[in-house]
Structure formats: structure tokens, C-alpha cells
Amino acid sequence: MAGVYEFNHKGKTIFCLDIAELQSKDKPVFYEYVKQAKEIIRKYPPKSLLVITKVINTGFDTEIAGIIKEYAQHNTPYVKASAVVGITGWSKIILTAIKTVTGRDFHLADTMEEAQEWLVNQ
């Protein structure tokens, strides 16, 4: 379910930016989802948000990587813990660059369930 949504897991609210399956040709959708996400995230108190970014089979290029980097920078003041689901290959290089720029760490999970369990224990 690509999009921006919040859900409850074990009594804790988790925010999700789901960009799974989106490709470079879907840039307008990337932009819209990130815009929606930022509007929601800025309403949270500092260091309170549990976040999942779902990138399973997502196509990245330089522009998309920049969008994601800017998104992560924007979120940093609000995020308590963050997990990324589905990172592989070239995406790991992008994530490493984002970690360096934002100073944040991200738990890498293979599944949504793994990410949710990790987040609620933070």
C-alpha cells in the first residue's frame, strides 16, 4: 500500500512513508508523498516519532536520492527511531550517504513485521 500513513502496533503509533515499487518515472508521486509526510511529521513533538520507510523494489536515481535525503534531514528533529524496509544493492549506498548527512542511524529490516517489532522496543 504505497503512500503516507500512520498505524498502531502494540499500543505505539508508527508513521510510514511507503514508496515500495515506485520507480524514477514516478517522481511526481515521490514528491507528493514526501510533501504529505513532512506536513504530518512536523506536528509531532521532538524526538517522539517512530518511522518506517518502505523501499521494497523502489527505483532510485540521483534526484530521488536527493528527495529522500532532504526528507530524512527534515525529519531528524522529530524522530525517536527509524527503520528502513527492503534496502538492497545500490540503495544501501544511498542510505549510507543519508546517514552521514543527517547524523541519524536507521535499522535495516527485511520485513514490515521486523521493523515494527524493532521500533516498539526503542
PDB file of N, CA and C in Angstrom:
ATOM      1  N   MET A   1       0.848  -1.162   0.000  1.00  0.00           N
ATOM      2  CA  MET A   1       0.000   0.000   0.000  1.00  0.00           C
ATOM      3  C   MET A   1       0.899   1.233   0.000  1.00  0.00           C
ATOM      4  N   ALA A   2       1.298   1.697  -1.151  1.00  0.00           N
ATOM      5  CA  ALA A   2       2.150   2.879  -1.236  1.00  0.00           C
ATOM      6  C   ALA A   2       1.398   4.091  -0.719  1.00  0.00           C
ATOM      7  N   GLY A   3       2.137   4.980  -0.078  1.00  0.00           N
ATOM      8  CA  GLY A   3       1.539   6.199   0.426  1.00  0.00           C
ATOM      9  C   GLY A   3       2.140   6.610   1.754  1.00  0.00           C
ATOM     10  N   VAL A   4       1.411   7.471   2.425  1.00  0.00           N
ATOM     11  CA  VAL A   4       1.818   8.009   3.719  1.00  0.00           C
ATOM     12  C   VAL A   4       0.716   7.664   4.702  1.00  0.00           C
ATOM     13  N   TYR A   5       1.075   6.971   5.780  1.00  0.00           N
ATOM     14  CA  TYR A   5       0.050   6.586   6.741  1.00  0.00           C
ATOM     15  C   TYR A   5       0.651   6.340   8.110  1.00  0.00           C
ATOM     16  N   GLU A   6      -0.230   6.360   9.097  1.00  0.00           N
ATOM     17  CA  GLU A   6       0.130   6.036  10.471  1.00  0.00           C
ATOM     18  C   GLU A   6      -0.677   4.800  10.867  1.00  0.00           C
ATOM     19  N   PHE A   7      -0.088   3.998  11.730  1.00  0.00           N
ATOM     20  CA  PHE A   7      -0.801   2.833  12.238  1.00  0.00           C
ATOM     21  C   PHE A   7      -0.317   2.538  13.645  1.00  0.00           C
ATOM     22  N   ASN A   8      -1.077   1.716  14.334  1.00  0.00           N
ATOM     23  CA  ASN A   8      -0.757   1.363  15.711  1.00  0.00           C
ATOM     24  C   ASN A   8      -0.203  -0.050  15.740  1.00  0.00           C
ATOM     25  N   HIS A   9       0.878  -0.230  16.486  1.00  0.00           N
ATOM     26  CA  HIS A   9       1.450  -1.561  16.685  1.00  0.00           C
ATOM     27  C   HIS A   9       1.813  -1.690  18.159  1.00  0.00           C
ATOM     28  N   LYS A  10       1.139  -2.590  18.830  1.00  0.00           N
ATOM     29  CA  LYS A  10       1.379  -2.835  20.253  1.00  0.00           C
ATOM     30  C   LYS A  10       1.266  -1.552  21.082  1.00  0.00           C
ATOM     31  N   GLY A  11       0.260  -0.747  20.739  1.00  0.00           N
ATOM     32  CA  GLY A  11      -0.021   0.456  21.507  1.00  0.00           C
ATOM     33  C   GLY A  11       0.830   1.664  21.152  1.00  0.00           C
ATOM     34  N   LYS A  12       1.679   1.535  20.144  1.00  0.00           N
ATOM     35  CA  LYS A  12       2.528   2.658  19.742  1.00  0.00           C
ATOM     36  C   LYS A  12       2.192   3.058  18.307  1.00  0.00           C
ATOM     37  N   THR A  13       2.179   4.354  18.072  1.00  0.00           N
ATOM     38  CA  THR A  13       1.923   4.869  16.733  1.00  0.00           C
ATOM     39  C   THR A  13       3.207   4.830  15.920  1.00  0.00           C
ATOM     40  N   ILE A  14       3.094   4.300  14.719  1.00  0.00           N
ATOM     41  CA  ILE A  14       4.218   4.242  13.787  1.00  0.00           C
ATOM     42  C   ILE A  14       3.804   4.989  12.526  1.00  0.00           C
ATOM     43  N   PHE A  15       4.685   5.837  12.058  1.00  0.00           N
ATOM     44  CA  PHE A  15       4.474   6.597  10.841  1.00  0.00           C
ATOM     45  C   PHE A  15       5.195   5.878   9.708  1.00  0.00           C
ATOM     46  N   CYS A  16       4.556   5.764   8.543  1.00  0.00           N
ATOM     47  CA  CYS A  16       5.171   5.060   7.421  1.00  0.00           C
ATOM     48  C   CYS A  16       5.136   5.886   6.142  1.00  0.00           C
ATOM     49  N   LEU A  17       6.296   6.025   5.526  1.00  0.00           N
ATOM     50  CA  LEU A  17       6.389   6.509   4.155  1.00  0.00           C
ATOM     51  C   LEU A  17       6.639   5.266   3.312  1.00  0.00           C
ATOM     52  N   ASP A  18       5.626   4.856   2.583  1.00  0.00           N
ATOM     53  CA  ASP A  18       5.689   3.634   1.785  1.00  0.00           C
ATOM     54  C   ASP A  18       5.867   4.024   0.321  1.00  0.00           C
ATOM     55  N   ILE A  19       7.092   3.874  -0.160  1.00  0.00           N
ATOM     56  CA  ILE A  19       7.387   4.166  -1.559  1.00  0.00           C
ATOM     57  C   ILE A  19       7.805   2.899  -2.295  1.00  0.00           C
ATOM     58  N   ALA A  20       7.372   1.764  -1.765  1.00  0.00           N
ATOM     59  CA  ALA A  20       7.674   0.474  -2.391  1.00  0.00           C
ATOM     60  C   ALA A  20       7.130   0.458  -3.819  1.00  0.00           C
ATOM     61  N   GLU A  21       7.909  -0.116  -4.691  1.00  0.00           N
ATOM     62  CA  GLU A  21       7.549  -0.329  -6.089  1.00  0.00           C
ATOM     63  C   GLU A  21       7.572   0.936  -6.952  1.00  0.00           C
ATOM     64  N   LEU A  22       7.776   2.120  -6.361  1.00  0.00           N
ATOM     65  CA  LEU A  22       7.845   3.330  -7.181  1.00  0.00           C
ATOM     66  C   LEU A  22       9.177   3.368  -7.922  1.00  0.00           C
ATOM     67  N   GLN A  23       9.152   3.913  -9.117  1.00  0.00           N
ATOM     68  CA  GLN A  23      10.340   3.978  -9.958  1.00  0.00           C
ATOM     69  C   GLN A  23      10.646   5.430 -10.316  1.00  0.00           C
ATOM     70  N   SER A  24      11.765   5.655 -10.955  1.00  0.00           N
ATOM     71  CA  SER A  24      12.176   7.006 -11.315  1.00  0.00           C
ATOM     72  C   SER A  24      11.104   7.742 -12.108  1.00  0.00           C
ATOM     73  N   LYS A  25      10.364   7.044 -12.932  1.00  0.00           N
ATOM     74  CA  LYS A  25       9.304   7.667 -13.725  1.00  0.00           C
ATOM     75  C   LYS A  25       8.165   8.188 -12.845  1.00  0.00           C
ATOM     76  N   ASP A  26       8.141   7.768 -11.583  1.00  0.00           N
ATOM     77  CA  ASP A  26       7.079   8.153 -10.645  1.00  0.00           C
ATOM     78  C   ASP A  26       7.465   9.360  -9.789  1.00  0.00           C
ATOM     79  N   LYS A  27       8.379  10.195 -10.254  1.00  0.00           N
ATOM     80  CA  LYS A  27       8.868  11.326  -9.447  1.00  0.00           C
ATOM     81  C   LYS A  27       7.753  12.214  -8.901  1.00  0.00           C
ATOM     82  N   PRO A  28       6.717  12.526  -9.666  1.00  0.00           N
ATOM     83  CA  PRO A  28       5.646  13.350  -9.084  1.00  0.00           C
ATOM     84  C   PRO A  28       5.004  12.693  -7.860  1.00  0.00           C
ATOM     85  N   VAL A  29       4.904  11.385  -7.874  1.00  0.00           N
ATOM     86  CA  VAL A  29       4.339  10.657  -6.735  1.00  0.00           C
ATOM     87  C   VAL A  29       5.305  10.726  -5.549  1.00  0.00           C
ATOM     88  N   PHE A  30       6.598  10.527  -5.794  1.00  0.00           N
ATOM     89  CA  PHE A  30       7.602  10.669  -4.738  1.00  0.00           C
ATOM     90  C   PHE A  30       7.461  12.033  -4.068  1.00  0.00           C
ATOM     91  N   TYR A  31       7.445  13.075  -4.893  1.00  0.00           N
ATOM     92  CA  TYR A  31       7.341  14.441  -4.362  1.00  0.00           C
ATOM     93  C   TYR A  31       6.084  14.615  -3.519  1.00  0.00           C
ATOM     94  N   GLU A  32       4.963  14.125  -4.002  1.00  0.00           N
ATOM     95  CA  GLU A  32       3.699  14.284  -3.282  1.00  0.00           C
ATOM     96  C   GLU A  32       3.728  13.535  -1.954  1.00  0.00           C
ATOM     97  N   TYR A  33       4.217  12.305  -1.952  1.00  0.00           N
ATOM     98  CA  TYR A  33       4.287  11.530  -0.703  1.00  0.00           C
ATOM     99  C   TYR A  33       5.201  12.197   0.315  1.00  0.00           C
ATOM    100  N   VAL A  34       6.352  12.677  -0.131  1.00  0.00           N
ATOM    101  CA  VAL A  34       7.293  13.330   0.786  1.00  0.00           C
ATOM    102  C   VAL A  34       6.678  14.621   1.330  1.00  0.00           C
ATOM    103  N   LYS A  35       6.007  15.374   0.480  1.00  0.00           N
ATOM    104  CA  LYS A  35       5.339  16.599   0.936  1.00  0.00           C
ATOM    105  C   LYS A  35       4.292  16.277   2.006  1.00  0.00           C
ATOM    106  N   GLN A  36       3.457  15.275   1.756  1.00  0.00           N
ATOM    107  CA  GLN A  36       2.443  14.856   2.734  1.00  0.00           C
ATOM    108  C   GLN A  36       3.104  14.416   4.042  1.00  0.00           C
ATOM    109  N   ALA A  37       4.158  13.621   3.911  1.00  0.00           N
ATOM    110  CA  ALA A  37       4.846  13.093   5.096  1.00  0.00           C
ATOM    111  C   ALA A  37       5.402  14.230   5.947  1.00  0.00           C
ATOM    112  N   LYS A  38       6.048  15.187   5.319  1.00  0.00           N
ATOM    113  CA  LYS A  38       6.638  16.299   6.057  1.00  0.00           C
ATOM    114  C   LYS A  38       5.568  17.117   6.786  1.00  0.00           C
ATOM    115  N   GLU A  39       4.420  17.299   6.159  1.00  0.00           N
ATOM    116  CA  GLU A  39       3.328  18.041   6.796  1.00  0.00           C
ATOM    117  C   GLU A  39       2.847  17.339   8.058  1.00  0.00           C
ATOM    118  N   ILE A  40       2.760  16.037   8.016  1.00  0.00           N
ATOM    119  CA  ILE A  40       2.314  15.254   9.180  1.00  0.00           C
ATOM    120  C   ILE A  40       3.402  15.240  10.245  1.00  0.00           C
ATOM    121  N   ILE A  41       4.633  14.965   9.845  1.00  0.00           N
ATOM    122  CA  ILE A  41       5.740  14.797  10.783  1.00  0.00           C
ATOM    123  C   ILE A  41       5.997  16.053  11.604  1.00  0.00           C
ATOM    124  N   ARG A  42       5.897  17.216  10.990  1.00  0.00           N
ATOM    125  CA  ARG A  42       6.214  18.448  11.730  1.00  0.00           C
ATOM    126  C   ARG A  42       5.215  18.730  12.848  1.00  0.00           C
ATOM    127  N   LYS A  43       4.136  17.967  12.932  1.00  0.00           N
ATOM    128  CA  LYS A  43       3.149  18.133  14.001  1.00  0.00           C
ATOM    129  C   LYS A  43       3.528  17.353  15.265  1.00  0.00           C
ATOM    130  N   TYR A  44       4.530  16.486  15.162  1.00  0.00           N
ATOM    131  CA  TYR A  44       4.944  15.660  16.299  1.00  0.00           C
ATOM    132  C   TYR A  44       5.923  16.425  17.188  1.00  0.00           C
ATOM    133  N   PRO A  45       5.933  16.094  18.476  1.00  0.00           N
ATOM    134  CA  PRO A  45       6.949  16.691  19.362  1.00  0.00           C
ATOM    135  C   PRO A  45       8.350  16.179  18.988  1.00  0.00           C
ATOM    136  N   PRO A  46       9.379  16.923  19.354  1.00  0.00           N
ATOM    137  CA  PRO A  46      10.748  16.489  19.069  1.00  0.00           C
ATOM    138  C   PRO A  46      11.056  15.105  19.663  1.00  0.00           C
ATOM    139  N   LYS A  47      11.804  14.342  18.895  1.00  0.00           N
ATOM    140  CA  LYS A  47      12.315  13.018  19.306  1.00  0.00           C
ATOM    141  C   LYS A  47      11.218  12.067  19.802  1.00  0.00           C
ATOM    142  N   SER A  48      10.048  12.111  19.159  1.00  0.00           N
ATOM    143  CA  SER A  48       8.935  11.277  19.608  1.00  0.00           C
ATOM    144  C   SER A  48       8.471  10.263  18.560  1.00  0.00           C
ATOM    145  N   LEU A  49       8.876  10.423  17.335  1.00  0.00           N
ATOM    146  CA  LEU A  49       8.275   9.684  16.231  1.00  0.00           C
ATOM    147  C   LEU A  49       9.009   8.378  15.925  1.00  0.00           C
ATOM    148  N   LEU A  50       8.225   7.332  15.732  1.00  0.00           N
ATOM    149  CA  LEU A  50       8.741   6.052  15.239  1.00  0.00           C
ATOM    150  C   LEU A  50       8.398   5.996  13.748  1.00  0.00           C
ATOM    151  N   VAL A  51       9.405   5.772  12.911  1.00  0.00           N
ATOM    152  CA  VAL A  51       9.220   5.897  11.468  1.00  0.00           C
ATOM    153  C   VAL A  51       9.687   4.641  10.734  1.00  0.00           C
ATOM    154  N   ILE A  52       8.874   4.229   9.762  1.00  0.00           N
ATOM    155  CA  ILE A  52       9.285   3.195   8.808  1.00  0.00           C
ATOM    156  C   ILE A  52       9.273   3.832   7.422  1.00  0.00           C
ATOM    157  N   THR A  53      10.348   3.606   6.677  1.00  0.00           N
ATOM    158  CA  THR A  53      10.371   3.965   5.271  1.00  0.00           C
ATOM    159  C   THR A  53      10.483   2.654   4.508  1.00  0.00           C
ATOM    160  N   LYS A  54       9.471   2.377   3.707  1.00  0.00           N
ATOM    161  CA  LYS A  54       9.396   1.107   2.977  1.00  0.00           C
ATOM    162  C   LYS A  54       9.837   1.336   1.534  1.00  0.00           C
ATOM    163  N   VAL A  55      10.945   0.691   1.154  1.00  0.00           N
ATOM    164  CA  VAL A  55      11.544   0.908  -0.166  1.00  0.00           C
ATOM    165  C   VAL A  55      11.708  -0.382  -0.966  1.00  0.00           C
ATOM    166  N   ILE A  56      10.882  -1.357  -0.718  1.00  0.00           N
ATOM    167  CA  ILE A  56      10.986  -2.640  -1.422  1.00  0.00           C
ATOM    168  C   ILE A  56      10.778  -2.414  -2.922  1.00  0.00           C
ATOM    169  N   ASN A  57      11.751  -2.829  -3.720  1.00  0.00           N
ATOM    170  CA  ASN A  57      11.708  -2.700  -5.179  1.00  0.00           C
ATOM    171  C   ASN A  57      11.512  -1.261  -5.656  1.00  0.00           C
ATOM    172  N   THR A  58      12.027  -0.312  -4.898  1.00  0.00           N
ATOM    173  CA  THR A  58      11.937   1.093  -5.291  1.00  0.00           C
ATOM    174  C   THR A  58      13.111   1.429  -6.197  1.00  0.00           C
ATOM    175  N   GLY A  59      12.839   2.154  -7.272  1.00  0.00           N
ATOM    176  CA  GLY A  59      13.893   2.579  -8.196  1.00  0.00           C
ATOM    177  C   GLY A  59      14.443   3.929  -7.776  1.00  0.00           C
ATOM    178  N   PHE A  60      15.740   4.012  -7.576  1.00  0.00           N
ATOM    179  CA  PHE A  60      16.386   5.245  -7.162  1.00  0.00           C
ATOM    180  C   PHE A  60      17.260   5.780  -8.283  1.00  0.00           C
ATOM    181  N   ASP A  61      17.251   7.093  -8.432  1.00  0.00           N
ATOM    182  CA  ASP A  61      18.242   7.775  -9.247  1.00  0.00           C
ATOM    183  C   ASP A  61      18.753   8.935  -8.393  1.00  0.00           C
ATOM    184  N   THR A  62      19.593   9.779  -8.941  1.00  0.00           N
ATOM    185  CA  THR A  62      20.181  10.864  -8.158  1.00  0.00           C
ATOM    186  C   THR A  62      19.118  11.808  -7.612  1.00  0.00           C
ATOM    187  N   GLU A  63      18.118  12.129  -8.412  1.00  0.00           N
ATOM    188  CA  GLU A  63      17.074  13.053  -7.964  1.00  0.00           C
ATOM    189  C   GLU A  63      16.243  12.452  -6.839  1.00  0.00           C
ATOM    190  N   ILE A  64      15.871  11.193  -6.970  1.00  0.00           N
ATOM    191  CA  ILE A  64      15.093  10.516  -5.923  1.00  0.00           C
ATOM    192  C   ILE A  64      15.925  10.425  -4.645  1.00  0.00           C
ATOM    193  N   ALA A  65      17.208  10.107  -4.781  1.00  0.00           N
ATOM    194  CA  ALA A  65      18.092  10.052  -3.608  1.00  0.00           C
ATOM    195  C   ALA A  65      18.121  11.404  -2.905  1.00  0.00           C
ATOM    196  N   GLY A  66      18.160  12.477  -3.665  1.00  0.00           N
ATOM    197  CA  GLY A  66      18.137  13.813  -3.083  1.00  0.00           C
ATOM    198  C   GLY A  66      16.839  14.100  -2.340  1.00  0.00           C
ATOM    199  N   ILE A  67      15.731  13.666  -2.901  1.00  0.00           N
ATOM    200  CA  ILE A  67      14.425  13.834  -2.252  1.00  0.00           C
ATOM    201  C   ILE A  67      14.418  13.108  -0.908  1.00  0.00           C
ATOM    202  N   ILE A  68      14.905  11.884  -0.908  1.00  0.00           N
ATOM    203  CA  ILE A  68      14.915  11.076   0.317  1.00  0.00           C
ATOM    204  C   ILE A  68      15.875  11.678   1.341  1.00  0.00           C
ATOM    205  N   LYS A  69      17.015  12.166   0.895  1.00  0.00           N
ATOM    206  CA  LYS A  69      17.976  12.799   1.809  1.00  0.00           C
ATOM    207  C   LYS A  69      17.346  14.022   2.474  1.00  0.00           C
ATOM    208  N   GLU A  70      16.698  14.867   1.692  1.00  0.00           N
ATOM    209  CA  GLU A  70      16.067  16.070   2.227  1.00  0.00           C
ATOM    210  C   GLU A  70      14.939  15.695   3.199  1.00  0.00           C
ATOM    211  N   TYR A  71      14.196  14.658   2.871  1.00  0.00           N
ATOM    212  CA  TYR A  71      13.132  14.144   3.743  1.00  0.00           C
ATOM    213  C   TYR A  71      13.722  13.710   5.083  1.00  0.00           C
ATOM    214  N   ALA A  72      14.803  12.960   5.046  1.00  0.00           N
ATOM    215  CA  ALA A  72      15.438  12.479   6.281  1.00  0.00           C
ATOM    216  C   ALA A  72      15.972  13.649   7.110  1.00  0.00           C
ATOM    217  N   GLN A  73      16.553  14.636   6.452  1.00  0.00           N
ATOM    218  CA  GLN A  73      17.048  15.816   7.176  1.00  0.00           C
ATOM    219  C   GLN A  73      15.897  16.551   7.857  1.00  0.00           C
ATOM    220  N   HIS A  74      14.809  16.716   7.152  1.00  0.00           N
ATOM    221  CA  HIS A  74      13.632  17.389   7.705  1.00  0.00           C
ATOM    222  C   HIS A  74      13.121  16.670   8.948  1.00  0.00           C
ATOM    223  N   ASN A  75      13.118  15.359   8.915  1.00  0.00           N
ATOM    224  CA  ASN A  75      12.534  14.541   9.987  1.00  0.00           C
ATOM    225  C   ASN A  75      13.403  14.435  11.228  1.00  0.00           C
ATOM    226  N   THR A  76      14.686  14.618  11.086  1.00  0.00           N
ATOM    227  CA  THR A  76      15.624  14.347  12.167  1.00  0.00           C
ATOM    228  C   THR A  76      15.188  14.900  13.521  1.00  0.00           C
ATOM    229  N   PRO A  77      14.738  16.144  13.638  1.00  0.00           N
ATOM    230  CA  PRO A  77      14.365  16.644  14.967  1.00  0.00           C
ATOM    231  C   PRO A  77      13.176  15.915  15.606  1.00  0.00           C
ATOM    232  N   TYR A  78      12.361  15.260  14.808  1.00  0.00           N
ATOM    233  CA  TYR A  78      11.126  14.649  15.293  1.00  0.00           C
ATOM    234  C   TYR A  78      11.244  13.153  15.570  1.00  0.00           C
ATOM    235  N   VAL A  79      12.300  12.525  15.065  1.00  0.00           N
ATOM    236  CA  VAL A  79      12.392  11.068  15.062  1.00  0.00           C
ATOM    237  C   VAL A  79      13.089  10.523  16.309  1.00  0.00           C
ATOM    238  N   LYS A  80      12.411   9.579  16.943  1.00  0.00           N
ATOM    239  CA  LYS A  80      12.998   8.828  18.053  1.00  0.00           C
ATOM    240  C   LYS A  80      13.773   7.635  17.503  1.00  0.00           C
ATOM    241  N   ALA A  81      13.160   6.899  16.562  1.00  0.00           N
ATOM    242  CA  ALA A  81      13.802   5.733  15.954  1.00  0.00           C
ATOM    243  C   ALA A  81      13.230   5.540  14.558  1.00  0.00           C
ATOM    244  N   SER A  82      14.073   4.994  13.685  1.00  0.00           N
ATOM    245  CA  SER A  82      13.689   4.855  12.287  1.00  0.00           C
ATOM    246  C   SER A  82      14.167   3.517  11.738  1.00  0.00           C
ATOM    247  N   ALA A  83      13.306   2.897  10.951  1.00  0.00           N
ATOM    248  CA  ALA A  83      13.654   1.640  10.291  1.00  0.00           C
ATOM    249  C   ALA A  83      13.385   1.781   8.795  1.00  0.00           C
ATOM    250  N   VAL A  84      14.212   1.109   8.010  1.00  0.00           N
ATOM    251  CA  VAL A  84      14.037   1.087   6.569  1.00  0.00           C
ATOM    252  C   VAL A  84      13.828  -0.365   6.165  1.00  0.00           C
ATOM    253  N   VAL A  85      12.767  -0.598   5.401  1.00  0.00           N
ATOM    254  CA  VAL A  85      12.420  -1.955   4.970  1.00  0.00           C
ATOM    255  C   VAL A  85      12.723  -2.112   3.484  1.00  0.00           C
ATOM    256  N   GLY A  86      13.518  -3.137   3.159  1.00  0.00           N
ATOM    257  CA  GLY A  86      13.736  -3.507   1.765  1.00  0.00           C
ATOM    258  C   GLY A  86      14.948  -2.884   1.103  1.00  0.00           C
ATOM    259  N   ILE A  87      15.919  -2.451   1.881  1.00  0.00           N
ATOM    260  CA  ILE A  87      17.102  -1.810   1.296  1.00  0.00           C
ATOM    261  C   ILE A  87      18.015  -2.904   0.723  1.00  0.00           C
ATOM    262  N   THR A  88      18.426  -2.733  -0.528  1.00  0.00           N
ATOM    263  CA  THR A  88      19.333  -3.681  -1.171  1.00  0.00           C
ATOM    264  C   THR A  88      20.257  -2.938  -2.116  1.00  0.00           C
ATOM    265  N   GLY A  89      21.341  -3.566  -2.466  1.00  0.00           N
ATOM    266  CA  GLY A  89      22.239  -3.082  -3.512  1.00  0.00           C
ATOM    267  C   GLY A  89      22.566  -1.606  -3.465  1.00  0.00           C
ATOM    268  N   TRP A  90      22.283  -0.921  -4.554  1.00  0.00           N
ATOM    269  CA  TRP A  90      22.599   0.496  -4.746  1.00  0.00           C
ATOM    270  C   TRP A  90      21.936   1.350  -3.681  1.00  0.00           C
ATOM    271  N   SER A  91      20.782   0.949  -3.208  1.00  0.00           N
ATOM    272  CA  SER A  91      20.064   1.713  -2.183  1.00  0.00           C
ATOM    273  C   SER A  91      20.861   1.798  -0.883  1.00  0.00           C
ATOM    274  N   LYS A  92      21.658   0.782  -0.580  1.00  0.00           N
ATOM    275  CA  LYS A  92      22.487   0.807   0.632  1.00  0.00           C
ATOM    276  C   LYS A  92      23.511   1.938   0.559  1.00  0.00           C
ATOM    277  N   ILE A  93      24.032   2.203  -0.623  1.00  0.00           N
ATOM    278  CA  ILE A  93      24.990   3.299  -0.795  1.00  0.00           C
ATOM    279  C   ILE A  93      24.294   4.625  -0.534  1.00  0.00           C
ATOM    280  N   ILE A  94      23.086   4.770  -1.052  1.00  0.00           N
ATOM    281  CA  ILE A  94      22.303   5.996  -0.826  1.00  0.00           C
ATOM    282  C   ILE A  94      22.032   6.168   0.660  1.00  0.00           C
ATOM    283  N   LEU A  95      21.634   5.100   1.331  1.00  0.00           N
ATOM    284  CA  LEU A  95      21.330   5.177   2.759  1.00  0.00           C
ATOM    285  C   LEU A  95      22.568   5.563   3.564  1.00  0.00           C
ATOM    286  N   THR A  96      23.713   5.036   3.204  1.00  0.00           N
ATOM    287  CA  THR A  96      24.955   5.394   3.890  1.00  0.00           C
ATOM    288  C   THR A  96      25.225   6.894   3.764  1.00  0.00           C
ATOM    289  N   ALA A  97      25.002   7.433   2.584  1.00  0.00           N
ATOM    290  CA  ALA A  97      25.190   8.875   2.374  1.00  0.00           C
ATOM    291  C   ALA A  97      24.192   9.670   3.210  1.00  0.00           C
ATOM    292  N   ILE A  98      22.957   9.221   3.274  1.00  0.00           N
ATOM    293  CA  ILE A  98      21.929   9.905   4.064  1.00  0.00           C
ATOM    294  C   ILE A  98      22.281   9.857   5.541  1.00  0.00           C
ATOM    295  N   LYS A  99      22.772   8.725   6.016  1.00  0.00           N
ATOM    296  CA  LYS A  99      23.192   8.609   7.415  1.00  0.00           C
ATOM    297  C   LYS A  99      24.287   9.623   7.733  1.00  0.00           C
ATOM    298  N   THR A 100      25.234   9.762   6.832  1.00  0.00           N
ATOM    299  CA  THR A 100      26.346  10.687   7.040  1.00  0.00           C
ATOM    300  C   THR A 100      25.853  12.125   7.107  1.00  0.00           C
ATOM    301  N   VAL A 101      24.988  12.512   6.197  1.00  0.00           N
ATOM    302  CA  VAL A 101      24.496  13.886   6.126  1.00  0.00           C
ATOM    303  C   VAL A 101      23.603  14.235   7.313  1.00  0.00           C
ATOM    304  N   THR A 102      22.735  13.299   7.723  1.00  0.00           N
ATOM    305  CA  THR A 102      21.762  13.595   8.780  1.00  0.00           C
ATOM    306  C   THR A 102      22.279  13.279  10.172  1.00  0.00           C
ATOM    307  N   GLY A 103      23.301  12.427  10.256  1.00  0.00           N
ATOM    308  CA  GLY A 103      23.786  12.014  11.567  1.00  0.00           C
ATOM    309  C   GLY A 103      22.859  11.032  12.254  1.00  0.00           C
ATOM    310  N   ARG A 104      21.919  10.483  11.503  1.00  0.00           N
ATOM    311  CA  ARG A 104      20.965   9.529  12.063  1.00  0.00           C
ATOM    312  C   ARG A 104      21.345   8.113  11.702  1.00  0.00           C
ATOM    313  N   ASP A 105      20.838   7.191  12.516  1.00  0.00           N
ATOM    314  CA  ASP A 105      21.010   5.785  12.214  1.00  0.00           C
ATOM    315  C   ASP A 105      19.652   5.226  11.816  1.00  0.00           C
ATOM    316  N   PHE A 106      19.655   4.189  11.029  1.00  0.00           N
ATOM    317  CA  PHE A 106      18.438   3.546  10.571  1.00  0.00           C
ATOM    318  C   PHE A 106      18.587   2.044  10.771  1.00  0.00           C
ATOM    319  N   HIS A 107      17.574   1.436  11.356  1.00  0.00           N
ATOM    320  CA  HIS A 107      17.578  -0.019  11.466  1.00  0.00           C
ATOM    321  C   HIS A 107      17.177  -0.580  10.107  1.00  0.00           C
ATOM    322  N   LEU A 108      17.948  -1.511   9.584  1.00  0.00           N
ATOM    323  CA  LEU A 108      17.613  -2.135   8.307  1.00  0.00           C
ATOM    324  C   LEU A 108      16.832  -3.407   8.575  1.00  0.00           C
ATOM    325  N   ALA A 109      15.630  -3.479   8.033  1.00  0.00           N
ATOM    326  CA  ALA A 109      14.755  -4.633   8.247  1.00  0.00           C
ATOM    327  C   ALA A 109      14.391  -5.251   6.898  1.00  0.00           C
ATOM    328  N   ASP A 110      14.187  -6.550   6.918  1.00  0.00           N
ATOM    329  CA  ASP A 110      13.783  -7.252   5.699  1.00  0.00           C
ATOM    330  C   ASP A 110      12.271  -7.223   5.502  1.00  0.00           C
ATOM    331  N   THR A 111      11.524  -7.084   6.613  1.00  0.00           N
ATOM    332  CA  THR A 111      10.065  -7.117   6.533  1.00  0.00           C
ATOM    333  C   THR A 111       9.454  -6.001   7.375  1.00  0.00           C
ATOM    334  N   MET A 112       8.219  -5.673   7.080  1.00  0.00           N
ATOM    335  CA  MET A 112       7.492  -4.692   7.883  1.00  0.00           C
ATOM    336  C   MET A 112       7.355  -5.183   9.318  1.00  0.00           C
ATOM    337  N   GLU A 113       7.092  -6.460   9.494  1.00  0.00           N
ATOM    338  CA  GLU A 113       6.920  -7.012  10.831  1.00  0.00           C
ATOM    339  C   GLU A 113       8.184  -6.848  11.662  1.00  0.00           C
ATOM    340  N   GLU A 114       9.333  -7.125  11.063  1.00  0.00           N
ATOM    341  CA  GLU A 114      10.609  -6.960  11.754  1.00  0.00           C
ATOM    342  C   GLU A 114      10.818  -5.491  12.147  1.00  0.00           C
ATOM    343  N   ALA A 115      10.536  -4.587  11.234  1.00  0.00           N
ATOM    344  CA  ALA A 115      10.699  -3.159  11.509  1.00  0.00           C
ATOM    345  C   ALA A 115       9.784  -2.715  12.650  1.00  0.00           C
ATOM    346  N   GLN A 116       8.542  -3.143  12.625  1.00  0.00           N
ATOM    347  CA  GLN A 116       7.582  -2.770  13.655  1.00  0.00           C
ATOM    348  C   GLN A 116       8.035  -3.261  15.022  1.00  0.00           C
ATOM    349  N   GLU A 117       8.463  -4.497  15.097  1.00  0.00           N
ATOM    350  CA  GLU A 117       8.904  -5.061  16.378  1.00  0.00           C
ATOM    351  C   GLU A 117      10.119  -4.299  16.902  1.00  0.00           C
ATOM    352  N   TRP A 118      11.058  -4.007  16.014  1.00  0.00           N
ATOM    353  CA  TRP A 118      12.252  -3.267  16.438  1.00  0.00           C
ATOM    354  C   TRP A 118      11.854  -1.889  16.964  1.00  0.00           C
ATOM    355  N   LEU A 119      10.995  -1.190  16.249  1.00  0.00           N
ATOM    356  CA  LEU A 119      10.607   0.171  16.636  1.00  0.00           C
ATOM    357  C   LEU A 119       9.907   0.218  17.983  1.00  0.00           C
ATOM    358  N   VAL A 120       8.984  -0.687  18.234  1.00  0.00           N
ATOM    359  CA  VAL A 120       8.235  -0.617  19.502  1.00  0.00           C
ATOM    360  C   VAL A 120       9.119  -0.934  20.703  1.00  0.00           C
ATOM    361  N   ASN A 121      10.289  -1.487  20.468  1.00  0.00           N
ATOM    362  CA  ASN A 121      11.212  -1.790  21.556  1.00  0.00           C
ATOM    363  C   ASN A 121      12.255  -0.690  21.769  1.00  0.00           C
ATOM    364  N   GLN A 122      12.128   0.403  21.063  1.00  0.00           N
ATOM    365  CA  GLN A 122      13.091   1.516  21.204  1.00  0.00           C
ATOM    366  C   GLN A 122      12.640   2.480  22.267  1.00  0.00           C
TER     367      GLN A 122
END
